[in-house]
Amino acid sequence: MASPNDGAKPAMPVVAAITGADIRAAMMQGLNDFARAPLFGLFFGGVFALGGMVIVLGLTIWRVPWMIYPFAIGFPLIGPFAAVGLYEVSRRLEAGQPLDWKAILAVVWHQRTRELSWMAFVMLFVFWIWMYQIRLLVALVLGRMSFATLERFLDVVFTTPQGWTFLAVGHVVGAVLAMVLFSITVISIPLLLERELDFVTAMITSVKTVLASPVTMIGWGVTVTVLVLLSCVPFFLGLFVTLPVLGHATWHLYRRAVVA
């Protein structure tokens, strides 16, 4: 990782347009990195999957199983931060550096003292807004309905006019939040791992990358979201493979997007 510039303000990173060919190449590189370091991929994917299992179990124990559905929809929002260790693995593979468990985990742990810790706060704050607006919509739209189980909740939202309204409004609001979060994190997190920049500059760079190639980058965001959601069934087990491949691919996409 780069060292601070003796108090000098770092220059704004230069971004390039991303094409569909770049996305395909990044995915192939992601698959290759996973194949070269499968134990690291399975470990970091497993941590994310285990976190999902624990939270779903907690929601069941706390007798709010209906929150599992909105939680599963919003869960991918914090995926980029969970992939920090994968970015470091890809960085080391790219640089020809050894893959040492102690060193890689130390890099991940060190991020708590760097600007990446602020990005974690931003991501969790947006996730909190997502969960809060779901509870607000439940109160406003479904307040008079009873659903003590996940099955009853799904029956209400998919078979009643109130449920359809809840789904429509909830998914529109969720799409806006997801787009905002994707735009400010897709490039900023790998950028902050590699360089000594402030998190605001990193977020601006990430947004500039999305604006430079809106169709391609939004397509990438939708692809990631769909794959992560599919991997959550059953019991988040698919994340053991999907998350590492997507994490490695995101690193290589970042390397193609930020050219200076």
Protein backbone atom coordinates (compact mmCIF):
# COMPACT_ATOMS: atom_id res chain seq x y z
CA MET A 1 0.00 0.00 0.00
CA ALA A 2 1.14 3.53 -0.67
CA SER A 3 2.64 5.72 2.02
CA PRO A 4 1.35 9.19 2.99
CA ASN A 5 2.82 12.03 0.95
CA ASP A 6 4.52 13.97 3.77
CA GLY A 7 1.46 16.12 4.36
CA ALA A 8 0.88 16.92 0.68
CA LYS A 9 -2.67 16.60 -0.54
CA PRO A 10 -2.96 13.58 -2.89
CA ALA A 11 -4.12 14.30 -6.43
CA MET A 12 -7.63 13.29 -7.46
CA PRO A 13 -7.43 9.85 -9.11
CA VAL A 14 -8.03 9.71 -12.85
CA VAL A 15 -10.78 7.36 -14.03
CA ALA A 16 -11.44 5.71 -17.38
CA ALA A 17 -14.63 4.50 -19.04
CA ILE A 18 -15.53 0.85 -18.45
CA THR A 19 -16.93 -1.39 -21.18
CA GLY A 20 -18.63 -4.74 -21.24
CA ALA A 21 -15.32 -6.27 -22.29
CA ASP A 22 -13.75 -4.91 -19.09
CA ILE A 23 -16.51 -6.52 -17.01
CA ARG A 24 -16.01 -9.89 -18.69
CA ALA A 25 -12.23 -9.68 -18.31
CA ALA A 26 -12.54 -8.72 -14.63
CA MET A 27 -14.85 -11.69 -14.02
CA MET A 28 -12.36 -14.06 -15.64
CA GLN A 29 -9.57 -12.59 -13.54
CA GLY A 30 -11.76 -12.98 -10.46
CA LEU A 31 -12.33 -16.65 -11.23
CA ASN A 32 -8.59 -17.09 -11.80
CA ASP A 33 -7.71 -15.45 -8.45
CA PHE A 34 -10.20 -17.68 -6.64
CA ALA A 35 -8.68 -20.74 -8.31
CA ARG A 36 -5.17 -19.61 -7.31
CA ALA A 37 -6.09 -18.91 -3.68
CA PRO A 38 -9.25 -20.92 -2.92
CA LEU A 39 -8.69 -21.19 0.85
CA PHE A 40 -8.63 -17.41 1.25
CA GLY A 41 -11.76 -17.07 -0.88
CA LEU A 42 -13.64 -19.74 1.05
CA PHE A 43 -12.56 -18.17 4.36
CA PHE A 44 -13.72 -14.64 3.59
CA GLY A 45 -16.86 -15.88 1.81
CA GLY A 46 -17.56 -18.09 4.82
CA VAL A 47 -17.26 -15.18 7.26
CA PHE A 48 -19.89 -13.25 5.30
CA ALA A 49 -22.14 -16.33 5.01
CA LEU A 50 -21.81 -17.07 8.72
CA GLY A 51 -22.75 -13.50 9.53
CA GLY A 52 -25.93 -13.86 7.49
CA MET A 53 -26.81 -17.13 9.20
CA VAL A 54 -26.33 -15.65 12.67
CA ILE A 55 -28.49 -12.61 11.93
CA VAL A 56 -31.30 -14.70 10.40
CA LEU A 57 -31.18 -16.98 13.44
CA GLY A 58 -31.33 -13.94 15.69
CA LEU A 59 -34.36 -12.54 13.87
CA THR A 60 -36.09 -15.89 14.33
CA ILE A 61 -35.24 -16.07 18.03
CA TRP A 62 -36.41 -12.49 18.55
CA ARG A 63 -39.72 -13.47 16.91
CA VAL A 64 -39.49 -11.06 13.99
CA PRO A 65 -38.96 -13.62 11.20
CA TRP A 66 -40.76 -11.38 8.72
CA MET A 67 -37.66 -9.13 8.82
CA ILE A 68 -35.68 -11.90 7.11
CA TYR A 69 -37.04 -10.92 3.67
CA PRO A 70 -36.04 -7.22 3.76
CA PHE A 71 -32.79 -8.15 5.47
CA ALA A 72 -31.91 -10.58 2.67
CA ILE A 73 -32.66 -7.87 0.09
CA GLY A 74 -30.48 -5.32 1.90
CA PHE A 75 -27.71 -7.73 2.91
CA PRO A 76 -25.69 -7.25 -0.33
CA LEU A 77 -25.34 -3.56 0.50
CA ILE A 78 -22.53 -4.31 2.94
CA GLY A 79 -20.85 -6.90 0.73
CA PRO A 80 -18.11 -4.59 -0.62
CA PHE A 81 -16.68 -4.00 2.85
CA ALA A 82 -16.76 -7.71 3.60
CA ALA A 83 -14.56 -8.22 0.52
CA VAL A 84 -11.61 -6.13 1.79
CA GLY A 85 -9.57 -9.25 2.51
CA LEU A 86 -10.25 -10.49 -1.02
CA TYR A 87 -9.02 -7.21 -2.48
CA GLU A 88 -5.78 -7.64 -0.55
CA VAL A 89 -5.38 -11.19 -1.86
CA SER A 90 -5.86 -9.99 -5.45
CA ARG A 91 -3.48 -7.09 -4.87
CA ARG A 92 -0.78 -9.49 -3.66
CA LEU A 93 -1.35 -11.93 -6.52
CA GLU A 94 -1.08 -9.05 -8.98
CA ALA A 95 2.12 -7.75 -7.37
CA GLY A 96 3.68 -11.19 -7.06
CA GLN A 97 3.75 -10.96 -3.27
CA PRO A 98 3.39 -14.04 -1.02
CA LEU A 99 -0.04 -14.97 0.34
CA ASP A 100 0.56 -15.08 4.07
CA TRP A 101 -2.43 -15.52 6.39
CA LYS A 102 -0.95 -13.41 9.16
CA ALA A 103 -0.02 -10.55 6.85
CA ILE A 104 -3.35 -10.48 5.02
CA LEU A 105 -5.43 -10.59 8.20
CA ALA A 106 -3.18 -7.88 9.65
CA VAL A 107 -3.96 -5.66 6.64
CA VAL A 108 -7.70 -6.22 7.15
CA TRP A 109 -7.40 -5.46 10.87
CA HIS A 110 -5.32 -2.34 10.16
CA GLN A 111 -8.17 -0.80 8.15
CA ARG A 112 -9.88 0.17 11.41
CA THR A 113 -7.29 2.97 11.76
CA ARG A 114 -7.51 4.12 8.13
CA GLU A 115 -10.12 5.90 6.03
CA LEU A 116 -11.80 2.61 5.22
CA SER A 117 -13.29 2.64 8.70
CA TRP A 118 -15.33 5.71 7.69
CA MET A 119 -16.62 3.83 4.66
CA ALA A 120 -17.80 1.06 6.96
CA PHE A 121 -19.76 3.67 8.89
CA VAL A 122 -21.29 5.05 5.67
CA MET A 123 -22.34 1.58 4.51
CA LEU A 124 -23.85 0.57 7.83
CA PHE A 125 -25.69 3.90 8.02
CA VAL A 126 -27.29 3.33 4.61
CA PHE A 127 -28.16 -0.23 5.62
CA TRP A 128 -29.78 1.13 8.80
CA ILE A 129 -31.84 3.57 6.69
CA TRP A 130 -32.93 0.65 4.49
CA MET A 131 -34.10 -1.40 7.46
CA TYR A 132 -35.79 1.63 9.09
CA GLN A 133 -37.74 2.54 5.97
CA ILE A 134 -38.95 -1.07 5.74
CA ARG A 135 -40.29 -0.89 9.30
CA LEU A 136 -41.89 2.47 8.47
CA LEU A 137 -43.57 1.05 5.37
CA VAL A 138 -44.80 -1.95 7.35
CA ALA A 139 -46.41 0.41 9.87
CA LEU A 140 -47.94 2.69 7.22
CA VAL A 141 -49.08 0.10 4.66
CA LEU A 142 -49.44 -3.19 6.53
CA GLY A 143 -50.07 -1.87 10.02
CA ARG A 144 -53.47 -3.52 10.46
CA MET A 145 -52.36 -6.91 9.22
CA SER A 146 -50.97 -9.69 11.36
CA PHE A 147 -47.96 -11.80 10.34
CA ALA A 148 -46.23 -13.64 13.14
CA THR A 149 -44.25 -15.86 10.76
CA LEU A 150 -42.21 -15.38 7.60
CA GLU A 151 -44.69 -17.52 5.66
CA ARG A 152 -47.59 -15.29 6.71
CA PHE A 153 -45.61 -12.15 5.84
CA LEU A 154 -44.84 -13.47 2.35
CA ASP A 155 -48.48 -14.44 1.89
CA VAL A 156 -49.58 -10.90 2.81
CA VAL A 157 -47.11 -9.05 0.57
CA PHE A 158 -47.65 -11.28 -2.47
CA THR A 159 -51.42 -11.83 -2.36
CA THR A 160 -52.99 -8.58 -1.10
CA PRO A 161 -53.30 -5.08 -2.61
CA GLN A 162 -51.61 -3.61 0.48
CA GLY A 163 -48.78 -6.09 0.05
CA TRP A 164 -48.31 -5.12 -3.59
CA THR A 165 -48.13 -1.46 -2.59
CA PHE A 166 -45.58 -2.35 0.07
CA LEU A 167 -43.46 -4.24 -2.47
CA ALA A 168 -43.67 -1.48 -5.10
CA VAL A 169 -42.77 1.40 -2.78
CA GLY A 170 -40.21 -0.62 -0.83
CA HIS A 171 -38.35 -1.78 -3.91
CA VAL A 172 -38.30 1.69 -5.48
CA VAL A 173 -36.87 3.21 -2.30
CA GLY A 174 -34.50 0.28 -1.93
CA ALA A 175 -33.31 0.65 -5.53
CA VAL A 176 -32.49 4.31 -4.93
CA LEU A 177 -30.57 3.53 -1.74
CA ALA A 178 -28.76 0.63 -3.41
CA MET A 179 -27.79 2.82 -6.38
CA VAL A 180 -26.43 5.53 -4.11
CA LEU A 181 -24.44 3.07 -2.02
CA PHE A 182 -23.14 1.20 -5.05
CA SER A 183 -22.00 4.45 -6.67
CA ILE A 184 -20.02 5.62 -3.65
CA THR A 185 -18.46 2.26 -2.74
CA VAL A 186 -17.81 0.19 -5.88
CA ILE A 187 -14.43 1.87 -6.49
CA SER A 188 -13.81 3.72 -3.22
CA ILE A 189 -13.18 0.66 -1.03
CA PRO A 190 -10.44 -0.99 -3.15
CA LEU A 191 -9.05 2.50 -3.78
CA LEU A 192 -8.76 3.23 -0.05
CA LEU A 193 -7.16 -0.14 0.54
CA GLU A 194 -4.40 0.61 -1.97
CA ARG A 195 -3.89 4.37 -1.54
CA GLU A 196 -3.67 6.94 1.25
CA LEU A 197 -6.68 9.10 0.38
CA ASP A 198 -9.50 10.60 2.39
CA PHE A 199 -12.81 8.75 2.13
CA VAL A 200 -14.61 11.73 0.55
CA THR A 201 -12.14 11.82 -2.34
CA ALA A 202 -12.54 8.07 -2.72
CA MET A 203 -16.34 8.34 -2.85
CA ILE A 204 -16.14 11.14 -5.43
CA THR A 205 -13.81 8.99 -7.55
CA SER A 206 -16.23 6.08 -7.31
CA VAL A 207 -19.18 8.24 -8.39
CA LYS A 208 -17.12 9.66 -11.28
CA THR A 209 -16.40 6.11 -12.44
CA VAL A 210 -20.10 5.24 -12.46
CA LEU A 211 -20.98 8.46 -14.29
CA ALA A 212 -18.26 7.78 -16.88
CA SER A 213 -19.90 4.44 -17.79
CA PRO A 214 -23.41 4.48 -16.32
CA VAL A 215 -24.96 1.62 -18.31
CA THR A 216 -22.01 -0.71 -17.86
CA MET A 217 -21.49 0.06 -14.17
CA ILE A 218 -25.19 -0.18 -13.31
CA GLY A 219 -25.26 -3.49 -15.17
CA TRP A 220 -22.36 -4.66 -13.03
CA GLY A 221 -24.17 -3.56 -9.88
CA VAL A 222 -27.34 -5.42 -10.88
CA THR A 223 -25.31 -8.52 -11.74
CA VAL A 224 -23.56 -8.50 -8.36
CA THR A 225 -26.84 -7.97 -6.49
CA VAL A 226 -28.65 -10.78 -8.31
CA LEU A 227 -25.77 -13.24 -7.86
CA VAL A 228 -25.45 -12.44 -4.15
CA LEU A 229 -29.20 -12.79 -3.62
CA LEU A 230 -29.27 -16.15 -5.40
CA SER A 231 -26.31 -17.24 -3.30
CA CYS A 232 -28.26 -16.54 -0.11
CA VAL A 233 -30.50 -19.53 -0.91
CA PRO A 234 -30.24 -21.83 0.84
CA PHE A 235 -28.70 -20.62 4.10
CA PHE A 236 -26.19 -18.25 2.43
CA LEU A 237 -24.06 -21.24 1.36
CA GLY A 238 -23.53 -19.95 -2.17
CA LEU A 239 -21.62 -16.99 -0.76
CA PHE A 240 -18.67 -19.29 -0.05
CA VAL A 241 -17.92 -19.13 -3.78
CA THR A 242 -19.87 -16.17 -5.16
CA LEU A 243 -18.49 -13.54 -2.78
CA PRO A 244 -14.79 -14.35 -3.37
CA VAL A 245 -15.19 -14.46 -7.15
CA LEU A 246 -17.07 -11.14 -7.17
CA GLY A 247 -14.64 -9.62 -4.68
CA HIS A 248 -11.60 -10.53 -6.77
CA ALA A 249 -13.41 -9.35 -9.92
CA THR A 250 -14.21 -6.00 -8.30
CA TRP A 251 -10.53 -5.46 -7.55
CA HIS A 252 -9.62 -6.00 -11.18
CA LEU A 253 -12.48 -3.77 -12.31
CA TYR A 254 -11.12 -1.05 -10.01
CA ARG A 255 -7.66 -1.46 -11.57
CA ARG A 256 -9.18 -0.97 -15.01
CA ALA A 257 -11.28 2.03 -13.93
CA VAL A 258 -8.68 4.03 -11.99
CA VAL A 259 -5.80 4.62 -14.37
CA ALA A 260 -3.74 7.18 -12.43
